[in-house]
N, C-alpha and C. Protein backbone atom coordinates (compact mmCIF):
# COMPACT_ATOMS: atom_id res chain seq x y z
N UNK A 1 -91.08 118.21 75.92
CA UNK A 1 -90.29 117.24 76.63
C UNK A 1 -89.05 117.94 77.15
N UNK A 2 -88.78 117.73 78.42
CA UNK A 2 -87.66 118.40 79.07
C UNK A 2 -86.97 117.42 80.01
N UNK A 3 -85.76 116.98 79.62
CA UNK A 3 -85.03 116.07 80.51
C UNK A 3 -84.52 116.81 81.75
N UNK A 4 -84.41 116.10 82.83
CA UNK A 4 -84.01 116.69 84.10
C UNK A 4 -82.62 116.19 84.49
N UNK A 5 -81.86 117.05 85.13
CA UNK A 5 -80.53 116.68 85.60
C UNK A 5 -79.55 116.52 84.45
N UNK A 6 -78.77 115.45 84.51
CA UNK A 6 -77.74 115.20 83.51
C UNK A 6 -78.21 114.26 82.41
N UNK A 7 -79.53 114.09 82.28
CA UNK A 7 -80.08 113.24 81.22
C UNK A 7 -80.09 113.99 79.90
N UNK A 8 -79.93 113.24 78.81
CA UNK A 8 -79.92 113.80 77.46
C UNK A 8 -80.82 112.93 76.59
N UNK A 9 -81.68 113.57 75.82
CA UNK A 9 -82.53 112.86 74.86
C UNK A 9 -81.84 112.92 73.51
N UNK A 10 -81.61 111.74 72.91
CA UNK A 10 -80.93 111.70 71.62
C UNK A 10 -81.73 110.86 70.63
N UNK A 11 -81.45 111.09 69.38
CA UNK A 11 -82.00 110.29 68.28
C UNK A 11 -80.80 109.55 67.69
N UNK A 12 -80.86 108.23 67.69
CA UNK A 12 -79.78 107.41 67.15
C UNK A 12 -79.73 107.54 65.64
N UNK A 13 -78.52 107.64 65.11
CA UNK A 13 -78.31 107.73 63.67
C UNK A 13 -77.75 106.40 63.19
N UNK A 14 -78.48 105.74 62.30
CA UNK A 14 -78.00 104.50 61.71
C UNK A 14 -77.22 104.87 60.46
N UNK A 15 -75.97 104.41 60.38
CA UNK A 15 -75.15 104.75 59.22
C UNK A 15 -74.38 103.53 58.74
N UNK A 16 -74.01 103.56 57.47
CA UNK A 16 -73.18 102.50 56.93
C UNK A 16 -71.76 102.72 57.40
N UNK A 17 -71.09 101.64 57.76
CA UNK A 17 -69.73 101.75 58.26
C UNK A 17 -68.81 101.08 57.27
N UNK A 18 -67.80 101.83 56.80
CA UNK A 18 -66.81 101.33 55.85
C UNK A 18 -65.48 101.11 56.55
N UNK A 19 -64.80 100.06 56.13
CA UNK A 19 -63.44 99.83 56.61
C UNK A 19 -62.50 100.74 55.83
N UNK A 20 -61.24 100.78 56.25
CA UNK A 20 -60.27 101.63 55.55
C UNK A 20 -60.05 101.16 54.12
N UNK A 21 -60.31 99.90 53.83
CA UNK A 21 -60.16 99.39 52.46
C UNK A 21 -61.42 99.60 51.62
N UNK A 22 -62.47 100.15 52.22
CA UNK A 22 -63.69 100.46 51.47
C UNK A 22 -64.79 99.43 51.56
N UNK A 23 -64.60 98.37 52.34
CA UNK A 23 -65.65 97.36 52.50
C UNK A 23 -66.72 97.85 53.47
N UNK A 24 -67.97 97.59 53.14
CA UNK A 24 -69.06 97.94 54.04
C UNK A 24 -69.26 96.83 55.06
N UNK A 25 -69.41 97.22 56.33
CA UNK A 25 -69.67 96.23 57.38
C UNK A 25 -71.15 95.88 57.38
N UNK A 26 -71.45 94.63 57.64
CA UNK A 26 -72.84 94.21 57.75
C UNK A 26 -73.41 94.78 59.04
N UNK A 27 -74.73 94.80 59.15
CA UNK A 27 -75.35 95.32 60.37
C UNK A 27 -74.96 94.49 61.58
N UNK A 28 -74.73 93.20 61.35
CA UNK A 28 -74.30 92.32 62.44
C UNK A 28 -72.91 92.71 62.94
N UNK A 29 -72.00 93.00 61.99
CA UNK A 29 -70.65 93.44 62.36
C UNK A 29 -70.68 94.82 63.00
N UNK A 30 -71.53 95.70 62.48
CA UNK A 30 -71.63 97.06 63.03
C UNK A 30 -72.14 97.02 64.46
N UNK A 31 -72.99 96.05 64.79
CA UNK A 31 -73.51 95.93 66.15
C UNK A 31 -72.43 95.50 67.13
N UNK A 32 -71.31 94.99 66.63
CA UNK A 32 -70.20 94.60 67.48
C UNK A 32 -69.45 95.82 68.03
N UNK A 33 -69.58 96.95 67.35
CA UNK A 33 -68.89 98.17 67.79
C UNK A 33 -69.53 98.69 69.08
N UNK A 34 -68.71 99.23 69.94
CA UNK A 34 -69.20 99.66 71.25
C UNK A 34 -69.93 101.00 71.21
N UNK A 35 -69.56 101.86 70.27
CA UNK A 35 -70.12 103.21 70.27
C UNK A 35 -71.06 103.43 69.10
N UNK A 36 -72.10 104.22 69.32
CA UNK A 36 -73.08 104.56 68.30
C UNK A 36 -73.12 106.07 68.12
N UNK A 37 -73.59 106.48 66.95
CA UNK A 37 -73.69 107.91 66.65
C UNK A 37 -75.13 108.37 66.89
N UNK A 38 -75.26 109.59 67.38
CA UNK A 38 -76.58 110.15 67.61
C UNK A 38 -76.55 111.67 67.54
N UNK A 39 -77.73 112.25 67.56
CA UNK A 39 -77.84 113.71 67.58
C UNK A 39 -78.65 114.09 68.82
N UNK A 40 -78.21 115.13 69.50
CA UNK A 40 -78.88 115.56 70.72
C UNK A 40 -80.16 116.31 70.37
N UNK A 41 -81.26 115.83 70.90
CA UNK A 41 -82.55 116.48 70.70
C UNK A 41 -82.79 117.52 71.80
N UNK A 42 -82.49 117.12 73.04
CA UNK A 42 -82.70 118.03 74.18
C UNK A 42 -81.73 117.65 75.29
N UNK A 43 -81.08 118.65 75.90
CA UNK A 43 -80.16 118.43 77.02
C UNK A 43 -80.88 118.70 78.33
N UNK A 44 -80.44 117.99 79.36
CA UNK A 44 -81.03 118.15 80.68
C UNK A 44 -80.70 119.48 81.32
N UNK A 45 -81.33 119.75 82.46
CA UNK A 45 -81.19 121.03 83.14
C UNK A 45 -79.78 121.26 83.71
N UNK A 46 -79.03 120.18 83.98
CA UNK A 46 -77.68 120.31 84.54
C UNK A 46 -76.57 120.04 83.53
N UNK A 47 -76.90 119.99 82.25
CA UNK A 47 -75.91 119.74 81.21
C UNK A 47 -75.47 121.09 80.63
N UNK A 48 -74.18 121.41 80.79
CA UNK A 48 -73.70 122.72 80.37
C UNK A 48 -72.92 122.68 79.05
N UNK A 49 -72.26 121.58 78.76
CA UNK A 49 -71.32 121.52 77.63
C UNK A 49 -72.00 121.15 76.32
N UNK A 50 -73.03 120.33 76.35
CA UNK A 50 -73.67 119.82 75.14
C UNK A 50 -74.90 120.63 74.78
N UNK A 51 -75.09 120.85 73.48
CA UNK A 51 -76.21 121.65 72.99
C UNK A 51 -77.09 120.82 72.06
N UNK A 52 -78.31 121.28 71.89
CA UNK A 52 -79.21 120.65 70.93
C UNK A 52 -78.59 120.70 69.54
N UNK A 53 -78.73 119.60 68.81
CA UNK A 53 -78.18 119.53 67.45
C UNK A 53 -76.76 119.03 67.37
N UNK A 54 -76.07 118.89 68.51
CA UNK A 54 -74.70 118.34 68.49
C UNK A 54 -74.74 116.87 68.08
N UNK A 55 -73.80 116.47 67.24
CA UNK A 55 -73.66 115.06 66.88
C UNK A 55 -72.65 114.46 67.84
N UNK A 56 -72.97 113.29 68.37
CA UNK A 56 -72.14 112.66 69.40
C UNK A 56 -71.94 111.18 69.10
N UNK A 57 -70.93 110.61 69.74
CA UNK A 57 -70.79 109.17 69.85
C UNK A 57 -71.00 108.84 71.32
N UNK A 58 -71.78 107.79 71.59
CA UNK A 58 -72.08 107.43 72.97
C UNK A 58 -71.98 105.92 73.13
N UNK A 59 -71.82 105.48 74.36
CA UNK A 59 -71.72 104.06 74.68
C UNK A 59 -73.07 103.41 74.46
N UNK A 60 -73.13 102.44 73.53
CA UNK A 60 -74.42 101.84 73.18
C UNK A 60 -75.01 101.00 74.31
N UNK A 61 -74.19 100.63 75.28
CA UNK A 61 -74.68 99.81 76.40
C UNK A 61 -75.39 100.65 77.47
N UNK A 62 -75.33 101.95 77.32
CA UNK A 62 -75.92 102.82 78.33
C UNK A 62 -77.29 103.31 77.91
N UNK A 63 -78.00 103.87 78.86
CA UNK A 63 -79.29 104.49 78.57
C UNK A 63 -80.41 103.50 78.34
N UNK A 64 -81.51 104.03 77.88
CA UNK A 64 -82.69 103.23 77.60
C UNK A 64 -83.50 103.92 76.52
N UNK A 65 -84.38 103.18 75.90
CA UNK A 65 -85.20 103.72 74.81
C UNK A 65 -86.60 104.05 75.30
N UNK A 66 -87.17 105.10 74.72
CA UNK A 66 -88.54 105.51 75.03
C UNK A 66 -89.23 105.90 73.74
N UNK A 67 -90.52 105.76 73.72
CA UNK A 67 -91.31 106.25 72.60
C UNK A 67 -92.07 107.47 73.09
N UNK A 68 -91.77 108.61 72.46
CA UNK A 68 -92.41 109.87 72.82
C UNK A 68 -93.08 110.40 71.56
N UNK A 69 -94.38 110.63 71.64
CA UNK A 69 -95.15 111.09 70.47
C UNK A 69 -94.94 110.16 69.28
N UNK A 70 -95.01 108.85 69.51
CA UNK A 70 -94.88 107.81 68.48
C UNK A 70 -93.52 107.81 67.79
N UNK A 71 -92.50 108.35 68.42
CA UNK A 71 -91.17 108.38 67.85
C UNK A 71 -90.16 107.82 68.86
N UNK A 72 -89.26 106.92 68.44
CA UNK A 72 -88.30 106.34 69.39
C UNK A 72 -87.14 107.28 69.68
N UNK A 73 -86.81 107.43 70.95
CA UNK A 73 -85.68 108.22 71.39
C UNK A 73 -84.86 107.40 72.38
N UNK A 74 -83.61 107.78 72.58
CA UNK A 74 -82.75 107.15 73.57
C UNK A 74 -82.41 108.19 74.62
N UNK A 75 -82.48 107.79 75.89
CA UNK A 75 -82.15 108.67 77.01
C UNK A 75 -80.83 108.16 77.59
N UNK A 76 -79.82 109.04 77.63
CA UNK A 76 -78.53 108.68 78.20
C UNK A 76 -78.11 109.73 79.22
N UNK A 77 -77.06 109.42 79.96
CA UNK A 77 -76.47 110.36 80.90
C UNK A 77 -75.36 111.14 80.20
N UNK A 78 -75.06 112.31 80.69
CA UNK A 78 -74.01 113.14 80.10
C UNK A 78 -72.67 112.40 80.08
N UNK A 79 -72.36 111.63 81.10
CA UNK A 79 -71.07 110.95 81.16
C UNK A 79 -70.97 109.75 80.21
N UNK A 80 -72.05 109.39 79.50
CA UNK A 80 -72.01 108.32 78.50
C UNK A 80 -71.55 108.83 77.14
N UNK A 81 -71.45 110.15 76.98
CA UNK A 81 -70.99 110.75 75.73
C UNK A 81 -69.46 110.67 75.71
N UNK A 82 -68.91 110.13 74.61
CA UNK A 82 -67.45 110.00 74.52
C UNK A 82 -66.83 110.99 73.54
N UNK A 83 -67.58 111.41 72.50
CA UNK A 83 -67.05 112.33 71.50
C UNK A 83 -68.17 113.24 71.03
N UNK A 84 -67.86 114.53 70.87
CA UNK A 84 -68.78 115.49 70.26
C UNK A 84 -68.17 115.89 68.92
N UNK A 85 -68.96 115.76 67.85
CA UNK A 85 -68.45 116.11 66.52
C UNK A 85 -68.68 117.56 66.20
């Protein structure tokens, strides 16, 4: 699988979210957050800054989901990435 242009294939990471006081947010509350965490599986041909294996936060309203080889992936644009960890 090889994304073209500025497309990036990512795998979304589901994680528990704690408040500063140590309370765990429910999945319903976590879905209220605008950004999600993911790991880059493959970068497109025109993506220079991001590498495979980078952990990122991206806008959850962007991109679309695909099933490739019976596994769900999310395809986003390079400009949807807001933070690289």
